[in-house]
Amino acid sequence: MPVKNRFAELLPEITAWRRDFHEHPELLYDVHRTAGIVAEKLREFGCDEVVEGIGKTGVVGVIRGKADGSGKVIGLRADMDALPIQEKTGSAHASKTPGKMHACGHDGHTAMLLGAAKYLAETRNFDGTAVVIFQPAEEGGAGGRAMCEDGMMERFGIQEVYGMHNMPGLPLGTFAIRDGAFFAATDTFTIHVEGLGGHAAKPHETVDTTVVAAQIVTALQTVVSRNHDPVKNLVVSVTSFQTESQAFNVIPQRVELRGTVRTMDPETRSLAETRIKALATGVAGAFGATAQVDYKRGYPVMVNTPEQTAFAAEVAAKVAGSCKPAPLVMGGEDFAYMLEERPGAYILVGNGDTAQVHHPEYDFDDDAIPAGCSWWAGIVEERMPAA
């Protein structure tokens, strides 16, 4: 089952959809234009059911095969939202909305799943039901969780669920996957440090929060280097350091630190939270200051299940000739919420030699479309083969 000829025929049409989405990026749950186009096209394709408003602005389409003797229901998921980044590609289809762009390729994911939906609705060469899932708010908004909390899995009887993400640096149209923990849990922390502000010429009369906060930043590096098992995976990054005053002659009363924690297992996640709180408050106290830590747990670890991972890899190998083992990814992915509810797998499709995702010069490579569409269609046709 190599790349399907039908997707080569549909490539100009799917590319046009993708570039239209790229020109009109939308953030988080505010994907009304994108979701409206998706729903309209699913109806045009002849889907048996199209439901809008799941997980606020998510769209679900149901496509029944020629038979339903298997009783199987397979979910396929793509994400629709963009990022708050100013595009710098200079392409003819660049974003028309200042400060917003599809810098992660969700425009490509949405277009590819639409292409697969059109093909599946045309052919229906499977025994069971395919459910195509178009999700909002992957970029930090937990749209996957919102769709699950709306009862999507139960409402449509989904038994397994599969997702895909493009990957710059992976050869164009090739695939890579990993069994078990794949993408990291993503937590955030904010640390409010308060001391005693004053004149910069009289530091002895202050409790210098800039110095205290700097010591906290340094101390937090020991969470990775001295507190956790070195054979496990952990990232602790302080990404923002903001003082209350930017004046040259003022020692500020308050400093705010922000950062992120990435982990691959629950024990390490809990350890990191405990140590960050203890270090921040302890270091601040040693200097006569105080620190309040607001630690928020975000997306969970995304875990591929063994049987579905092996199957997804087999389909990918038939499309591209092989499927490579993928490394652990310390980025987060809210498809994790769907995999907590149902067995399934998430795969990477090569985007070739492009800028990395979340970069202002990134763009999805449209030549990856036939491979991505073929994999999604293959998941349905091979998991639920027609008699």
Protein backbone atom coordinates (compact mmCIF):
# COMPACT_ATOMS: atom_id res chain seq x y z
CA MET A 1 0.00 0.00 0.00
CA PRO A 2 2.26 2.84 -1.21
CA VAL A 3 1.08 6.46 -1.46
CA LYS A 4 -2.41 6.29 -2.95
CA ASN A 5 -2.80 7.65 -6.47
CA ARG A 6 -5.98 9.42 -5.43
CA PHE A 7 -4.01 11.71 -3.14
CA ALA A 8 -1.64 12.63 -5.94
CA GLU A 9 -4.73 13.65 -7.91
CA LEU A 10 -6.12 15.58 -4.94
CA LEU A 11 -2.79 17.28 -4.09
CA PRO A 12 -3.56 20.64 -5.77
CA GLU A 13 -6.95 20.82 -4.05
CA ILE A 14 -5.61 19.83 -0.61
CA THR A 15 -2.69 22.23 -1.03
CA ALA A 16 -5.14 25.05 -1.74
CA TRP A 17 -7.02 24.25 1.49
CA ARG A 18 -3.76 24.18 3.43
CA ARG A 19 -2.56 27.51 2.10
CA ASP A 20 -5.91 29.13 2.78
CA PHE A 21 -5.70 27.97 6.41
CA HIS A 22 -2.14 29.27 6.52
CA GLU A 23 -3.20 32.72 5.30
CA HIS A 24 -5.91 32.92 7.97
CA PRO A 25 -4.42 31.62 11.25
CA GLU A 26 -6.54 31.48 14.40
CA LEU A 27 -5.49 30.93 18.01
CA LEU A 28 -6.60 28.45 20.67
CA TYR A 29 -10.40 28.06 20.74
CA ASP A 30 -11.01 31.03 18.45
CA VAL A 31 -10.86 28.87 15.31
CA HIS A 32 -14.35 29.70 14.06
CA ARG A 33 -13.36 30.30 10.43
CA THR A 34 -11.23 27.16 10.22
CA ALA A 35 -13.79 24.98 11.98
CA GLY A 36 -16.56 26.36 9.77
CA ILE A 37 -14.66 25.47 6.60
CA VAL A 38 -13.87 22.00 7.97
CA ALA A 39 -17.53 21.33 8.80
CA GLU A 40 -18.67 22.64 5.41
CA LYS A 41 -16.25 20.41 3.53
CA LEU A 42 -17.11 17.34 5.58
CA ARG A 43 -20.75 17.85 4.63
CA GLU A 44 -19.76 18.32 0.98
CA PHE A 45 -17.83 15.04 1.12
CA GLY A 46 -20.99 13.23 2.22
CA CYS A 47 -20.01 12.34 5.77
CA ASP A 48 -22.82 10.51 7.53
CA GLU A 49 -22.74 12.90 10.47
CA VAL A 50 -20.99 16.21 11.14
CA VAL A 51 -21.05 17.69 14.63
CA GLU A 52 -19.71 21.11 15.56
CA GLY A 53 -19.00 22.68 18.95
CA ILE A 54 -17.38 19.70 20.67
CA GLY A 55 -14.71 21.02 23.02
CA LYS A 56 -16.05 24.54 22.33
CA THR A 57 -15.02 24.78 18.66
CA GLY A 58 -14.02 21.24 17.70
CA VAL A 59 -15.55 19.43 14.72
CA VAL A 60 -16.22 15.70 14.36
CA GLY A 61 -17.20 13.86 11.18
CA VAL A 62 -18.50 10.28 10.98
CA ILE A 63 -17.88 8.12 7.90
CA ARG A 64 -19.40 4.65 7.81
CA GLY A 65 -17.84 1.93 5.71
CA LYS A 66 -19.54 -0.36 3.19
CA ALA A 67 -20.17 -2.76 6.04
CA ASP A 68 -20.24 -2.67 9.84
CA GLY A 69 -19.77 -6.33 10.67
CA SER A 70 -16.58 -5.59 12.61
CA GLY A 71 -18.27 -3.10 14.91
CA LYS A 72 -14.99 -1.20 15.07
CA VAL A 73 -14.76 2.58 15.40
CA ILE A 74 -11.44 4.32 14.70
CA GLY A 75 -10.74 7.97 15.50
CA LEU A 76 -8.31 10.13 13.51
CA ARG A 77 -7.33 13.48 15.00
CA ALA A 78 -5.83 16.71 13.61
CA ASP A 79 -5.30 20.07 15.33
CA MET A 80 -6.46 23.40 13.88
CA ASP A 81 -4.94 26.28 15.89
CA ALA A 82 -1.97 28.51 15.10
CA LEU A 83 0.59 30.41 17.23
CA PRO A 84 1.04 34.05 18.32
CA ILE A 85 4.15 34.54 16.15
CA GLN A 86 4.89 37.11 13.46
CA GLU A 87 5.56 35.21 10.23
CA LYS A 88 8.83 35.83 8.38
CA THR A 89 8.63 33.31 5.53
CA GLY A 90 7.88 35.85 2.81
CA SER A 91 5.80 33.23 1.00
CA ALA A 92 2.89 34.08 -1.28
CA HIS A 93 0.54 32.36 1.17
CA ALA A 94 1.98 33.99 4.30
CA SER A 95 -0.30 34.93 7.18
CA LYS A 96 -2.55 37.90 6.55
CA THR A 97 -3.05 38.43 10.29
CA PRO A 98 -0.24 40.33 12.06
CA GLY A 99 1.17 38.48 15.06
CA LYS A 100 -0.37 35.13 14.17
CA MET A 101 0.93 32.30 12.01
CA HIS A 102 0.75 28.55 11.49
CA ALA A 103 4.26 27.99 12.82
CA CYS A 104 3.64 24.36 13.82
CA GLY A 105 1.98 22.93 10.72
CA HIS A 106 -1.51 22.47 12.08
CA ASP A 107 -2.73 23.89 8.79
CA GLY A 108 -1.08 20.89 7.12
CA HIS A 109 -2.52 18.44 9.64
CA THR A 110 -6.04 19.78 9.11
CA ALA A 111 -5.72 19.74 5.32
CA MET A 112 -4.33 16.19 5.28
CA LEU A 113 -7.13 14.85 7.46
CA LEU A 114 -9.67 16.61 5.26
CA GLY A 115 -8.05 14.91 2.25
CA ALA A 116 -8.26 11.54 3.96
CA ALA A 117 -11.90 12.20 4.89
CA LYS A 118 -12.77 13.03 1.29
CA TYR A 119 -11.16 9.80 0.07
CA LEU A 120 -12.79 7.65 2.76
CA ALA A 121 -16.21 9.15 2.06
CA GLU A 122 -15.73 8.45 -1.66
CA THR A 123 -14.53 4.85 -1.35
CA ARG A 124 -15.88 3.56 2.00
CA ASN A 125 -13.72 0.50 1.41
CA PHE A 126 -13.69 -0.61 5.04
CA ASP A 127 -15.81 -2.53 7.53
CA GLY A 128 -16.59 -0.25 10.46
CA THR A 129 -16.73 3.47 11.21
CA ALA A 130 -14.12 6.20 10.83
CA VAL A 131 -14.42 9.29 13.03
CA VAL A 132 -12.41 12.31 11.91
CA ILE A 133 -11.60 14.70 14.78
CA PHE A 134 -10.60 18.34 14.23
CA GLN A 135 -9.41 19.79 17.51
CA PRO A 136 -8.92 23.40 18.65
CA ALA A 137 -6.43 24.77 21.19
CA GLU A 138 -3.55 22.32 21.05
CA GLU A 139 -1.05 25.12 21.63
CA GLY A 140 -1.51 25.40 25.38
CA GLY A 141 -5.30 25.42 25.57
CA ALA A 142 -5.89 21.70 26.20
CA GLY A 143 -8.45 21.38 23.42
CA GLY A 144 -7.96 17.62 23.44
CA ARG A 145 -9.05 17.47 27.06
CA ALA A 146 -12.02 19.73 26.32
CA MET A 147 -13.24 17.41 23.55
CA CYS A 148 -12.87 14.38 25.80
CA GLU A 149 -14.68 16.14 28.65
CA ASP A 150 -17.53 16.81 26.24
CA GLY A 151 -17.94 13.04 25.98
CA MET A 152 -16.57 12.67 22.46
CA MET A 153 -15.18 9.16 22.91
CA GLU A 154 -18.41 7.79 24.35
CA ARG A 155 -20.74 9.73 22.04
CA PHE A 156 -19.14 8.37 18.87
CA GLY A 157 -18.10 5.00 20.31
CA ILE A 158 -14.43 5.55 19.50
CA GLN A 159 -12.35 2.47 20.36
CA GLU A 160 -8.91 3.52 19.14
CA VAL A 161 -7.48 6.92 18.23
CA TYR A 162 -4.55 7.98 16.02
CA GLY A 163 -2.76 11.29 15.53
CA MET A 164 0.05 12.73 13.43
CA HIS A 165 2.52 15.62 13.54
CA ASN A 166 4.93 16.85 10.93
CA MET A 167 8.63 16.85 11.86
CA PRO A 168 11.25 19.14 10.29
CA GLY A 169 14.56 17.35 9.86
CA LEU A 170 12.89 14.02 9.14
CA PRO A 171 13.12 13.26 5.40
CA LEU A 172 10.06 14.44 3.52
CA GLY A 173 7.21 11.94 3.52
CA THR A 174 8.94 9.42 5.79
CA PHE A 175 7.68 8.35 9.21
CA ALA A 176 8.98 7.80 12.74
CA ILE A 177 7.22 6.52 15.86
CA ARG A 178 7.93 5.44 19.42
CA ASP A 179 6.18 2.96 21.71
CA GLY A 180 5.33 4.06 25.25
CA ALA A 181 6.15 7.51 26.61
CA PHE A 182 6.79 9.74 23.59
CA PHE A 183 6.07 13.43 24.34
CA ALA A 184 6.73 14.99 27.75
CA ALA A 185 4.44 16.28 30.47
CA THR A 186 4.54 20.08 30.41
CA ASP A 187 4.27 22.04 33.66
CA THR A 188 4.82 25.74 34.39
CA PHE A 189 5.86 27.68 37.46
CA THR A 190 5.75 31.31 38.55
CA ILE A 191 7.84 32.42 41.52
CA HIS A 192 7.05 35.73 43.22
CA VAL A 193 10.05 36.96 45.22
CA GLU A 194 9.60 39.82 47.69
CA GLY A 195 12.32 41.54 49.66
CA LEU A 196 12.84 45.14 50.73
CA GLY A 197 13.34 47.69 47.98
CA GLY A 198 15.35 50.86 48.27
CA HIS A 199 18.04 53.07 46.83
CA ALA A 200 20.66 51.28 44.77
CA ALA A 201 23.36 53.35 46.49
CA LYS A 202 22.33 51.88 49.85
CA PRO A 203 22.02 48.12 49.25
CA HIS A 204 22.75 47.38 52.91
CA GLU A 205 19.40 48.92 53.79
CA THR A 206 17.52 46.57 51.44
CA VAL A 207 16.83 42.91 50.89
CA ASP A 208 17.89 42.82 47.28
CA THR A 209 15.32 40.76 45.39
CA THR A 210 17.39 40.78 42.20
CA VAL A 211 20.23 39.00 43.96
CA VAL A 212 17.80 36.65 45.73
CA ALA A 213 16.03 35.74 42.50
CA ALA A 214 19.35 35.18 40.74
CA GLN A 215 20.35 32.75 43.48
CA ILE A 216 17.01 30.95 43.05
CA VAL A 217 17.62 30.60 39.30
CA THR A 218 21.01 29.04 40.02
CA ALA A 219 19.65 26.78 42.76
CA LEU A 220 16.90 25.44 40.49
CA GLN A 221 19.55 23.98 38.18
CA THR A 222 20.38 21.48 40.94
CA VAL A 223 16.95 19.87 40.58
CA VAL A 224 18.26 18.27 37.39
CA SER A 225 21.93 17.89 38.31
CA ARG A 226 21.62 16.68 41.91
CA ASN A 227 18.06 15.65 42.81
CA HIS A 228 16.82 13.29 40.14
CA ASP A 229 17.99 9.98 38.69
CA PRO A 230 20.37 10.85 35.81
CA VAL A 231 19.07 8.02 33.63
CA LYS A 232 15.60 9.61 33.60
CA ASN A 233 14.49 12.66 31.63
CA LEU A 234 13.95 16.06 33.22
CA VAL A 235 14.14 19.66 32.00
CA VAL A 236 13.83 22.67 34.33
CA SER A 237 14.10 26.00 32.50
CA VAL A 238 13.68 29.50 33.90
CA THR A 239 12.45 31.48 30.91
CA SER A 240 11.51 34.90 32.33
CA PHE A 241 13.09 37.21 34.96
CA GLN A 242 11.18 40.44 35.56
CA THR A 243 11.98 43.03 38.20
CA GLU A 244 9.37 45.44 39.49
CA SER A 245 11.51 48.43 38.48
CA GLN A 246 13.75 49.01 35.48
CA ALA A 247 15.38 52.13 36.92
CA PHE A 248 19.16 52.32 37.21
CA ASN A 249 19.11 53.53 40.82
CA VAL A 250 16.34 51.42 42.37
CA ILE A 251 16.59 48.02 44.05
CA PRO A 252 13.15 46.54 43.35
CA GLN A 253 10.79 45.29 46.00
CA ARG A 254 9.58 42.37 43.88
CA VAL A 255 10.85 40.04 41.15
CA GLU A 256 8.84 37.48 39.17
CA LEU A 257 10.40 34.35 37.70
CA ARG A 258 8.67 32.07 35.21
CA GLY A 259 9.66 28.74 33.76
CA THR A 260 8.74 25.29 32.54
CA VAL A 261 9.32 21.71 33.65
CA ARG A 262 9.32 18.72 31.26
CA THR A 263 9.19 15.14 32.52
CA MET A 264 8.51 11.63 31.25
CA ASP A 265 7.20 9.86 34.37
CA PRO A 266 4.98 10.71 37.38
CA GLU A 267 7.70 10.25 40.01
CA THR A 268 10.06 12.71 38.34
CA ARG A 269 7.20 15.15 37.85
CA SER A 270 6.34 15.12 41.56
CA LEU A 271 10.01 15.36 42.55
CA ALA A 272 10.52 18.44 40.38
CA GLU A 273 7.49 20.21 41.83
CA THR A 274 8.53 19.46 45.42
CA ARG A 275 12.14 20.54 44.95
CA ILE A 276 11.31 23.76 43.06
CA LYS A 277 9.01 24.86 45.87
CA ALA A 278 11.51 23.93 48.59
CA LEU A 279 14.49 25.59 46.89
CA ALA A 280 12.68 28.81 46.03
CA THR A 281 11.27 29.34 49.51
CA GLY A 282 14.43 28.14 51.25
CA VAL A 283 16.84 30.32 49.27
CA ALA A 284 14.60 33.35 49.65
CA GLY A 285 14.32 32.79 53.37
CA ALA A 286 18.08 32.51 53.76
CA PHE A 287 18.43 36.04 52.37
CA GLY A 288 15.60 37.48 54.44
CA ALA A 289 13.14 37.52 51.54
CA THR A 290 10.03 35.49 50.78
CA ALA A 291 9.04 33.45 47.73
CA GLN A 292 5.64 32.21 46.68
CA VAL A 293 5.58 29.43 44.08
CA ASP A 294 2.60 28.93 41.78
CA TYR A 295 3.18 25.52 40.16
CA LYS A 296 0.69 24.41 37.49
CA ARG A 297 0.57 20.97 35.96
CA GLY A 298 -0.12 21.04 32.23
CA TYR A 299 -0.34 18.34 29.59
CA PRO A 300 0.40 14.81 30.80
CA VAL A 301 2.98 12.51 29.25
CA MET A 302 1.76 11.30 25.87
CA VAL A 303 1.97 7.49 25.85
CA ASN A 304 1.57 5.35 22.72
CA THR A 305 0.10 1.90 23.40
CA PRO A 306 2.13 -1.11 22.13
CA GLU A 307 -0.34 -2.86 19.80
CA GLN A 308 -1.52 0.33 18.13
CA THR A 309 2.04 1.64 17.79
CA ALA A 310 3.16 -1.51 16.00
CA PHE A 311 0.15 -1.30 13.69
CA ALA A 312 0.70 2.40 12.95
CA ALA A 313 4.33 1.65 12.09
CA GLU A 314 3.28 -1.16 9.74
CA VAL A 315 0.93 1.15 7.86
CA ALA A 316 3.63 3.83 7.66
CA ALA A 317 6.16 1.31 6.31
CA LYS A 318 3.73 0.31 3.57
CA VAL A 319 3.31 3.97 2.59
CA ALA A 320 6.94 5.09 2.79
CA GLY A 321 8.95 1.85 2.62
CA SER A 322 10.01 2.01 6.27
CA CYS A 323 9.17 3.57 9.62
CA LYS A 324 12.03 4.77 11.79
CA PRO A 325 12.23 4.68 15.59
CA ALA A 326 11.60 8.17 16.96
CA PRO A 327 13.50 9.74 19.86
CA LEU A 328 11.83 11.02 23.01
CA VAL A 329 10.40 14.51 22.53
CA MET A 330 10.52 16.91 25.49
CA GLY A 331 7.85 19.08 23.90
CA GLY A 332 4.25 18.61 24.97
CA GLU A 333 1.25 17.33 23.01
CA ASP A 334 -2.34 17.36 24.21
CA PHE A 335 -3.21 14.30 22.14
CA ALA A 336 -2.04 12.78 25.44
CA TYR A 337 -5.53 13.35 26.84
CA MET A 338 -7.11 11.28 24.08
CA LEU A 339 -4.57 8.50 24.62
CA GLU A 340 -5.46 8.48 28.31
CA GLU A 341 -9.04 7.63 27.31
CA ARG A 342 -8.42 5.19 24.46
CA PRO A 343 -5.55 3.06 23.12
CA GLY A 344 -3.87 4.52 20.10
CA ALA A 345 -0.70 5.96 18.61
CA TYR A 346 0.86 9.21 17.46
CA ILE A 347 3.29 9.28 14.55
CA LEU A 348 5.70 11.80 13.01
CA VAL A 349 5.72 12.51 9.26
CA GLY A 350 8.80 14.09 7.72
CA ASN A 351 8.63 17.76 6.72
CA GLY A 352 12.11 17.73 5.17
CA ASP A 353 14.75 20.42 5.49
CA THR A 354 12.65 23.29 6.86
CA ALA A 355 12.89 25.64 9.82
CA GLN A 356 11.90 24.05 13.10
CA VAL A 357 8.33 24.32 14.37
CA HIS A 358 7.48 27.44 16.40
CA HIS A 359 9.99 29.43 14.31
CA PRO A 360 8.85 32.51 12.31
CA GLU A 361 10.41 31.06 9.12
CA TYR A 362 8.75 27.64 9.42
CA ASP A 363 6.31 26.45 6.77
CA PHE A 364 4.61 23.12 6.17
CA ASP A 365 5.87 21.35 3.03
CA ASP A 366 2.88 20.54 0.83
CA ASP A 367 4.74 17.63 -0.77
CA ALA A 368 4.23 15.73 2.51
CA ILE A 369 0.46 15.72 1.94
CA PRO A 370 0.11 12.48 -0.11
CA ALA A 371 2.08 10.46 2.44
CA GLY A 372 0.14 11.86 5.41
CA CYS A 373 -3.23 11.33 3.76
CA SER A 374 -2.27 7.79 2.71
CA TRP A 375 -1.26 6.90 6.27
CA TRP A 376 -4.56 8.10 7.73
CA ALA A 377 -6.56 6.31 5.06
CA GLY A 378 -4.43 3.20 5.57
CA ILE A 379 -5.12 3.20 9.31
CA VAL A 380 -8.84 2.92 8.56
CA GLU A 381 -8.69 0.49 5.65
CA GLU A 382 -6.18 -1.88 7.25
CA ARG A 383 -7.54 -1.79 10.80
CA MET A 384 -11.08 -2.39 9.51
CA PRO A 385 -10.57 -4.27 6.22
CA ALA A 386 -13.57 -4.81 3.99
CA ALA A 387 -14.57 -8.42 3.45
